[in-house]
Amino acid sequence: MRKYSILIVDDENNVTKLLEKFLKKEGYNTLIASCGEEAIEIIDSHQVDIVITDIKMPGISGIELLRKIGDIDSSIK
């Protein structure tokens, strides 16, 4: 069975670490970004299947990030 790769984007480190711990325990590959700009860089260089993002972040908001991701790769959910 294929392991899905999940990108977690949040400017609060404790949130990302908690989600990462839970998702890894469930067998998912995880990547972490602390801002929208970093998330775009990760998407450009890694296979990402799913993005979990905070909405309010400095710089690119979560909504704007999801729009940009859709433009880059519409298969990412």
PDB file of N, CA and C in Angstrom:
ATOM      1  N   MET A   1       0.842  -1.182   0.000  1.00  0.00           N
ATOM      2  CA  MET A   1       0.000   0.000   0.000  1.00  0.00           C
ATOM      3  C   MET A   1       0.890   1.250   0.000  1.00  0.00           C
ATOM      4  N   ARG A   2       0.547   2.219  -0.825  1.00  0.00           N
ATOM      5  CA  ARG A   2       1.298   3.467  -0.949  1.00  0.00           C
ATOM      6  C   ARG A   2       1.071   4.359   0.260  1.00  0.00           C
ATOM      7  N   LYS A   3       2.155   4.921   0.782  1.00  0.00           N
ATOM      8  CA  LYS A   3       2.048   5.877   1.880  1.00  0.00           C
ATOM      9  C   LYS A   3       1.850   7.271   1.301  1.00  0.00           C
ATOM     10  N   TYR A   4       0.822   7.951   1.738  1.00  0.00           N
ATOM     11  CA  TYR A   4       0.582   9.310   1.278  1.00  0.00           C
ATOM     12  C   TYR A   4       1.531  10.277   1.982  1.00  0.00           C
ATOM     13  N   SER A   5       1.894  11.324   1.276  1.00  0.00           N
ATOM     14  CA  SER A   5       2.758  12.359   1.807  1.00  0.00           C
ATOM     15  C   SER A   5       1.896  13.574   2.140  1.00  0.00           C
ATOM     16  N   ILE A   6       1.964  14.009   3.400  1.00  0.00           N
ATOM     17  CA  ILE A   6       1.144  15.114   3.871  1.00  0.00           C
ATOM     18  C   ILE A   6       2.050  16.272   4.283  1.00  0.00           C
ATOM     19  N   LEU A   7       1.773  17.453   3.730  1.00  0.00           N
ATOM     20  CA  LEU A   7       2.489  18.672   4.091  1.00  0.00           C
ATOM     21  C   LEU A   7       1.653  19.421   5.124  1.00  0.00           C
ATOM     22  N   ILE A   8       2.268  19.686   6.277  1.00  0.00           N
ATOM     23  CA  ILE A   8       1.621  20.430   7.354  1.00  0.00           C
ATOM     24  C   ILE A   8       2.207  21.838   7.348  1.00  0.00           C
ATOM     25  N   VAL A   9       1.337  22.846   7.244  1.00  0.00           N
ATOM     26  CA  VAL A   9       1.798  24.234   7.182  1.00  0.00           C
ATOM     27  C   VAL A   9       1.159  25.016   8.321  1.00  0.00           C
ATOM     28  N   ASP A  10       1.989  25.486   9.230  1.00  0.00           N
ATOM     29  CA  ASP A  10       1.494  26.274  10.362  1.00  0.00           C
ATOM     30  C   ASP A  10       2.660  27.047  10.949  1.00  0.00           C
ATOM     31  N   ASP A  11       2.412  28.273  11.365  1.00  0.00           N
ATOM     32  CA  ASP A  11       3.466  29.087  11.956  1.00  0.00           C
ATOM     33  C   ASP A  11       3.668  28.801  13.442  1.00  0.00           C
ATOM     34  N   GLU A  12       2.846  27.929  14.005  1.00  0.00           N
ATOM     35  CA  GLU A  12       2.996  27.533  15.411  1.00  0.00           C
ATOM     36  C   GLU A  12       3.635  26.152  15.462  1.00  0.00           C
ATOM     37  N   ASN A  13       4.873  26.104  15.936  1.00  0.00           N
ATOM     38  CA  ASN A  13       5.661  24.881  15.956  1.00  0.00           C
ATOM     39  C   ASN A  13       4.986  23.746  16.735  1.00  0.00           C
ATOM     40  N   ASN A  14       4.327  24.067  17.853  1.00  0.00           N
ATOM     41  CA  ASN A  14       3.693  23.012  18.651  1.00  0.00           C
ATOM     42  C   ASN A  14       2.554  22.331  17.891  1.00  0.00           C
ATOM     43  N   VAL A  15       1.864  23.066  17.053  1.00  0.00           N
ATOM     44  CA  VAL A  15       0.778  22.484  16.248  1.00  0.00           C
ATOM     45  C   VAL A  15       1.348  21.527  15.207  1.00  0.00           C
ATOM     46  N   THR A  16       2.388  21.966  14.503  1.00  0.00           N
ATOM     47  CA  THR A  16       2.974  21.110  13.470  1.00  0.00           C
ATOM     48  C   THR A  16       3.561  19.841  14.065  1.00  0.00           C
ATOM     49  N   LYS A  17       4.226  19.961  15.194  1.00  0.00           N
ATOM     50  CA  LYS A  17       4.842  18.783  15.828  1.00  0.00           C
ATOM     51  C   LYS A  17       3.779  17.790  16.292  1.00  0.00           C
ATOM     52  N   LEU A  18       2.685  18.283  16.840  1.00  0.00           N
ATOM     53  CA  LEU A  18       1.597  17.409  17.286  1.00  0.00           C
ATOM     54  C   LEU A  18       0.969  16.669  16.101  1.00  0.00           C
ATOM     55  N   LEU A  19       0.659  17.396  15.043  1.00  0.00           N
ATOM     56  CA  LEU A  19       0.088  16.762  13.852  1.00  0.00           C
ATOM     57  C   LEU A  19       1.064  15.777  13.225  1.00  0.00           C
ATOM     58  N   GLU A  20       2.340  16.165  13.161  1.00  0.00           N
ATOM     59  CA  GLU A  20       3.351  15.274  12.591  1.00  0.00           C
ATOM     60  C   GLU A  20       3.432  13.969  13.379  1.00  0.00           C
ATOM     61  N   LYS A  21       3.451  14.057  14.685  1.00  0.00           N
ATOM     62  CA  LYS A  21       3.529  12.860  15.537  1.00  0.00           C
ATOM     63  C   LYS A  21       2.341  11.936  15.284  1.00  0.00           C
ATOM     64  N   PHE A  22       1.145  12.501  15.256  1.00  0.00           N
ATOM     65  CA  PHE A  22      -0.066  11.711  15.030  1.00  0.00           C
ATOM     66  C   PHE A  22      -0.066  11.061  13.648  1.00  0.00           C
ATOM     67  N   LEU A  23       0.248  11.850  12.609  1.00  0.00           N
ATOM     68  CA  LEU A  23       0.193  11.329  11.241  1.00  0.00           C
ATOM     69  C   LEU A  23       1.271  10.274  10.990  1.00  0.00           C
ATOM     70  N   LYS A  24       2.459  10.462  11.538  1.00  0.00           N
ATOM     71  CA  LYS A  24       3.510   9.447  11.395  1.00  0.00           C
ATOM     72  C   LYS A  24       3.094   8.148  12.071  1.00  0.00           C
ATOM     73  N   LYS A  25       2.459   8.256  13.227  1.00  0.00           N
ATOM     74  CA  LYS A  25       1.963   7.075  13.943  1.00  0.00           C
ATOM     75  C   LYS A  25       0.945   6.313  13.089  1.00  0.00           C
ATOM     76  N   GLU A  26       0.195   7.045  12.286  1.00  0.00           N
ATOM     77  CA  GLU A  26      -0.806   6.438  11.405  1.00  0.00           C
ATOM     78  C   GLU A  26      -0.208   5.939  10.090  1.00  0.00           C
ATOM     79  N   GLY A  27       1.102   6.150   9.906  1.00  0.00           N
ATOM     80  CA  GLY A  27       1.791   5.603   8.742  1.00  0.00           C
ATOM     81  C   GLY A  27       1.982   6.539   7.572  1.00  0.00           C
ATOM     82  N   TYR A  28       1.708   7.824   7.754  1.00  0.00           N
ATOM     83  CA  TYR A  28       1.873   8.791   6.670  1.00  0.00           C
ATOM     84  C   TYR A  28       3.288   9.371   6.665  1.00  0.00           C
ATOM     85  N   ASN A  29       3.769   9.718   5.483  1.00  0.00           N
ATOM     86  CA  ASN A  29       4.995  10.501   5.363  1.00  0.00           C
ATOM     87  C   ASN A  29       4.599  11.951   5.590  1.00  0.00           C
ATOM     88  N   THR A  30       5.379  12.674   6.357  1.00  0.00           N
ATOM     89  CA  THR A  30       5.026  14.065   6.647  1.00  0.00           C
ATOM     90  C   THR A  30       6.153  15.014   6.295  1.00  0.00           C
ATOM     91  N   LEU A  31       5.753  16.203   5.892  1.00  0.00           N
ATOM     92  CA  LEU A  31       6.662  17.315   5.648  1.00  0.00           C
ATOM     93  C   LEU A  31       6.097  18.503   6.405  1.00  0.00           C
ATOM     94  N   ILE A  32       6.970  19.405   6.845  1.00  0.00           N
ATOM     95  CA  ILE A  32       6.517  20.546   7.639  1.00  0.00           C
ATOM     96  C   ILE A  32       7.035  21.841   7.039  1.00  0.00           C
ATOM     97  N   ALA A  33       6.155  22.845   7.011  1.00  0.00           N
ATOM     98  CA  ALA A  33       6.534  24.194   6.612  1.00  0.00           C
ATOM     99  C   ALA A  33       5.976  25.163   7.651  1.00  0.00           C
ATOM    100  N   SER A  34       6.740  26.204   7.946  1.00  0.00           N
ATOM    101  CA  SER A  34       6.299  27.175   8.942  1.00  0.00           C
ATOM    102  C   SER A  34       5.620  28.395   8.324  1.00  0.00           C
ATOM    103  N   CYS A  35       5.595  28.456   6.975  1.00  0.00           N
ATOM    104  CA  CYS A  35       4.934  29.567   6.292  1.00  0.00           C
ATOM    105  C   CYS A  35       4.575  29.141   4.867  1.00  0.00           C
ATOM    106  N   GLY A  36       3.769  29.941   4.216  1.00  0.00           N
ATOM    107  CA  GLY A  36       3.329  29.626   2.861  1.00  0.00           C
ATOM    108  C   GLY A  36       4.467  29.570   1.856  1.00  0.00           C
ATOM    109  N   GLU A  37       5.412  30.485   1.991  1.00  0.00           N
ATOM    110  CA  GLU A  37       6.544  30.517   1.067  1.00  0.00           C
ATOM    111  C   GLU A  37       7.358  29.221   1.161  1.00  0.00           C
ATOM    112  N   GLU A  38       7.587  28.764   2.382  1.00  0.00           N
ATOM    113  CA  GLU A  38       8.322  27.510   2.585  1.00  0.00           C
ATOM    114  C   GLU A  38       7.533  26.328   2.023  1.00  0.00           C
ATOM    115  N   ALA A  39       6.223  26.359   2.170  1.00  0.00           N
ATOM    116  CA  ALA A  39       5.370  25.290   1.639  1.00  0.00           C
ATOM    117  C   ALA A  39       5.497  25.192   0.119  1.00  0.00           C
ATOM    118  N   ILE A  40       5.524  26.329  -0.567  1.00  0.00           N
ATOM    119  CA  ILE A  40       5.674  26.343  -2.024  1.00  0.00           C
ATOM    120  C   ILE A  40       7.014  25.729  -2.418  1.00  0.00           C
ATOM    121  N   GLU A  41       8.083  26.069  -1.694  1.00  0.00           N
ATOM    122  CA  GLU A  41       9.403  25.488  -1.973  1.00  0.00           C
ATOM    123  C   GLU A  41       9.379  23.964  -1.811  1.00  0.00           C
ATOM    124  N   ILE A  42       8.714  23.484  -0.768  1.00  0.00           N
ATOM    125  CA  ILE A  42       8.628  22.043  -0.531  1.00  0.00           C
ATOM    126  C   ILE A  42       7.848  21.367  -1.653  1.00  0.00           C
ATOM    127  N   ILE A  43       6.751  21.966  -2.068  1.00  0.00           N
ATOM    128  CA  ILE A  43       5.939  21.393  -3.143  1.00  0.00           C
ATOM    129  C   ILE A  43       6.719  21.335  -4.451  1.00  0.00           C
ATOM    130  N   ASP A  44       7.576  22.324  -4.664  1.00  0.00           N
ATOM    131  CA  ASP A  44       8.396  22.341  -5.880  1.00  0.00           C
ATOM    132  C   ASP A  44       9.454  21.237  -5.893  1.00  0.00           C
ATOM    133  N   SER A  45       9.818  20.719  -4.716  1.00  0.00           N
ATOM    134  CA  SER A  45      10.919  19.754  -4.659  1.00  0.00           C
ATOM    135  C   SER A  45      10.543  18.378  -4.105  1.00  0.00           C
ATOM    136  N   HIS A  46       9.309  18.188  -3.665  1.00  0.00           N
ATOM    137  CA  HIS A  46       8.883  16.913  -3.087  1.00  0.00           C
ATOM    138  C   HIS A  46       7.512  16.498  -3.629  1.00  0.00           C
ATOM    139  N   GLN A  47       7.251  15.218  -3.579  1.00  0.00           N
ATOM    140  CA  GLN A  47       5.920  14.701  -3.899  1.00  0.00           C
ATOM    141  C   GLN A  47       5.015  14.954  -2.701  1.00  0.00           C
ATOM    142  N   VAL A  48       3.954  15.705  -2.891  1.00  0.00           N
ATOM    143  CA  VAL A  48       2.995  15.996  -1.832  1.00  0.00           C
ATOM    144  C   VAL A  48       1.614  15.586  -2.330  1.00  0.00           C
ATOM    145  N   ASP A  49       0.886  14.840  -1.493  1.00  0.00           N
ATOM    146  CA  ASP A  49      -0.466  14.400  -1.851  1.00  0.00           C
ATOM    147  C   ASP A  49      -1.549  15.243  -1.193  1.00  0.00           C
ATOM    148  N   ILE A  50      -1.287  15.656   0.042  1.00  0.00           N
ATOM    149  CA  ILE A  50      -2.302  16.357   0.841  1.00  0.00           C
ATOM    150  C   ILE A  50      -1.624  17.506   1.580  1.00  0.00           C
ATOM    151  N   VAL A  51      -2.336  18.637   1.702  1.00  0.00           N
ATOM    152  CA  VAL A  51      -1.832  19.773   2.476  1.00  0.00           C
ATOM    153  C   VAL A  51      -2.824  20.080   3.592  1.00  0.00           C
ATOM    154  N   ILE A  52      -2.293  20.187   4.801  1.00  0.00           N
ATOM    155  CA  ILE A  52      -3.069  20.664   5.950  1.00  0.00           C
ATOM    156  C   ILE A  52      -2.450  22.004   6.323  1.00  0.00           C
ATOM    157  N   THR A  53      -3.252  23.081   6.270  1.00  0.00           N
ATOM    158  CA  THR A  53      -2.687  24.404   6.513  1.00  0.00           C
ATOM    159  C   THR A  53      -3.515  25.222   7.487  1.00  0.00           C
ATOM    160  N   ASP A  54      -2.807  26.045   8.238  1.00  0.00           N
ATOM    161  CA  ASP A  54      -3.426  27.068   9.063  1.00  0.00           C
ATOM    162  C   ASP A  54      -3.982  28.125   8.101  1.00  0.00           C
ATOM    163  N   ILE A  55      -4.986  28.848   8.508  1.00  0.00           N
ATOM    164  CA  ILE A  55      -5.556  29.892   7.660  1.00  0.00           C
ATOM    165  C   ILE A  55      -4.828  31.218   7.868  1.00  0.00           C
ATOM    166  N   LYS A  56      -4.623  31.604   9.121  1.00  0.00           N
ATOM    167  CA  LYS A  56      -3.981  32.885   9.427  1.00  0.00           C
ATOM    168  C   LYS A  56      -2.500  32.654   9.706  1.00  0.00           C
ATOM    169  N   MET A  57      -1.674  33.131   8.770  1.00  0.00           N
ATOM    170  CA  MET A  57      -0.224  33.042   8.921  1.00  0.00           C
ATOM    171  C   MET A  57       0.375  34.330   8.381  1.00  0.00           C
ATOM    172  N   PRO A  58       1.561  34.692   8.861  1.00  0.00           N
ATOM    173  CA  PRO A  58       2.227  35.859   8.276  1.00  0.00           C
ATOM    174  C   PRO A  58       2.577  35.583   6.816  1.00  0.00           C
ATOM    175  N   GLY A  59       2.584  36.621   6.004  1.00  0.00           N
ATOM    176  CA  GLY A  59       2.903  36.432   4.587  1.00  0.00           C
ATOM    177  C   GLY A  59       1.700  35.873   3.848  1.00  0.00           C
ATOM    178  N   ILE A  60       1.890  34.745   3.204  1.00  0.00           N
ATOM    179  CA  ILE A  60       0.816  34.103   2.440  1.00  0.00           C
ATOM    180  C   ILE A  60      -0.169  33.440   3.403  1.00  0.00           C
ATOM    181  N   SER A  61      -1.450  33.786   3.297  1.00  0.00           N
ATOM    182  CA  SER A  61      -2.469  33.151   4.142  1.00  0.00           C
ATOM    183  C   SER A  61      -2.713  31.717   3.665  1.00  0.00           C
ATOM    184  N   GLY A  62      -3.339  30.925   4.500  1.00  0.00           N
ATOM    185  CA  GLY A  62      -3.648  29.547   4.127  1.00  0.00           C
ATOM    186  C   GLY A  62      -4.539  29.453   2.902  1.00  0.00           C
ATOM    187  N   ILE A  63      -5.513  30.362   2.780  1.00  0.00           N
ATOM    188  CA  ILE A  63      -6.412  30.356   1.616  1.00  0.00           C
ATOM    189  C   ILE A  63      -5.635  30.678   0.346  1.00  0.00           C
ATOM    190  N   GLU A  64      -4.784  31.710   0.414  1.00  0.00           N
ATOM    191  CA  GLU A  64      -3.971  32.077  -0.737  1.00  0.00           C
ATOM    192  C   GLU A  64      -3.007  30.942  -1.094  1.00  0.00           C
ATOM    193  N   LEU A  65      -2.448  30.292  -0.076  1.00  0.00           N
ATOM    194  CA  LEU A  65      -1.557  29.156  -0.301  1.00  0.00           C
ATOM    195  C   LEU A  65      -2.270  28.050  -1.056  1.00  0.00           C
ATOM    196  N   LEU A  66      -3.482  27.712  -0.647  1.00  0.00           N
ATOM    197  CA  LEU A  66      -4.232  26.649  -1.323  1.00  0.00           C
ATOM    198  C   LEU A  66      -4.511  27.013  -2.787  1.00  0.00           C
ATOM    199  N   ARG A  67      -4.780  28.274  -3.048  1.00  0.00           N
ATOM    200  CA  ARG A  67      -4.983  28.707  -4.442  1.00  0.00           C
ATOM    201  C   ARG A  67      -3.707  28.532  -5.259  1.00  0.00           C
ATOM    202  N   LYS A  68      -2.578  28.936  -4.686  1.00  0.00           N
ATOM    203  CA  LYS A  68      -1.297  28.803  -5.379  1.00  0.00           C
ATOM    204  C   LYS A  68      -0.951  27.336  -5.617  1.00  0.00           C
ATOM    205  N   ILE A  69      -1.219  26.499  -4.633  1.00  0.00           N
ATOM    206  CA  ILE A  69      -0.953  25.066  -4.780  1.00  0.00           C
ATOM    207  C   ILE A  69      -1.802  24.493  -5.907  1.00  0.00           C
ATOM    208  N   GLY A  70      -3.066  24.901  -5.987  1.00  0.00           N
ATOM    209  CA  GLY A  70      -3.948  24.447  -7.063  1.00  0.00           C
ATOM    210  C   GLY A  70      -3.415  24.827  -8.440  1.00  0.00           C
ATOM    211  N   ASP A  71      -2.781  25.979  -8.532  1.00  0.00           N
ATOM    212  CA  ASP A  71      -2.183  26.424  -9.793  1.00  0.00           C
ATOM    213  C   ASP A  71      -0.940  25.589 -10.145  1.00  0.00           C
ATOM    214  N   ILE A  72      -0.195  25.186  -9.111  1.00  0.00           N
ATOM    215  CA  ILE A  72       1.034  24.411  -9.314  1.00  0.00           C
ATOM    216  C   ILE A  72       0.714  22.961  -9.671  1.00  0.00           C
ATOM    217  N   ASP A  73      -0.180  22.357  -8.879  1.00  0.00           N
ATOM    218  CA  ASP A  73      -0.492  20.928  -9.065  1.00  0.00           C
ATOM    219  C   ASP A  73      -1.905  20.666  -8.563  1.00  0.00           C
ATOM    220  N   SER A  74      -2.840  20.549  -9.462  1.00  0.00           N
ATOM    221  CA  SER A  74      -4.248  20.370  -9.080  1.00  0.00           C
ATOM    222  C   SER A  74      -4.552  19.008  -8.477  1.00  0.00           C
ATOM    223  N   SER A  75      -3.589  18.087  -8.500  1.00  0.00           N
ATOM    224  CA  SER A  75      -3.834  16.767  -7.910  1.00  0.00           C
ATOM    225  C   SER A  75      -3.621  16.774  -6.404  1.00  0.00           C
ATOM    226  N   ILE A  76      -2.983  17.816  -5.876  1.00  0.00           N
ATOM    227  CA  ILE A  76      -2.784  17.913  -4.430  1.00  0.00           C
ATOM    228  C   ILE A  76      -4.104  18.288  -3.785  1.00  0.00           C
ATOM    229  N   LYS A  77      -4.479  17.558  -2.769  1.00  0.00           N
ATOM    230  CA  LYS A  77      -5.759  17.802  -2.075  1.00  0.00           C
ATOM    231  C   LYS A  77      -5.554  18.559  -0.806  1.00  0.00           C
TER     232      LYS A  77
END
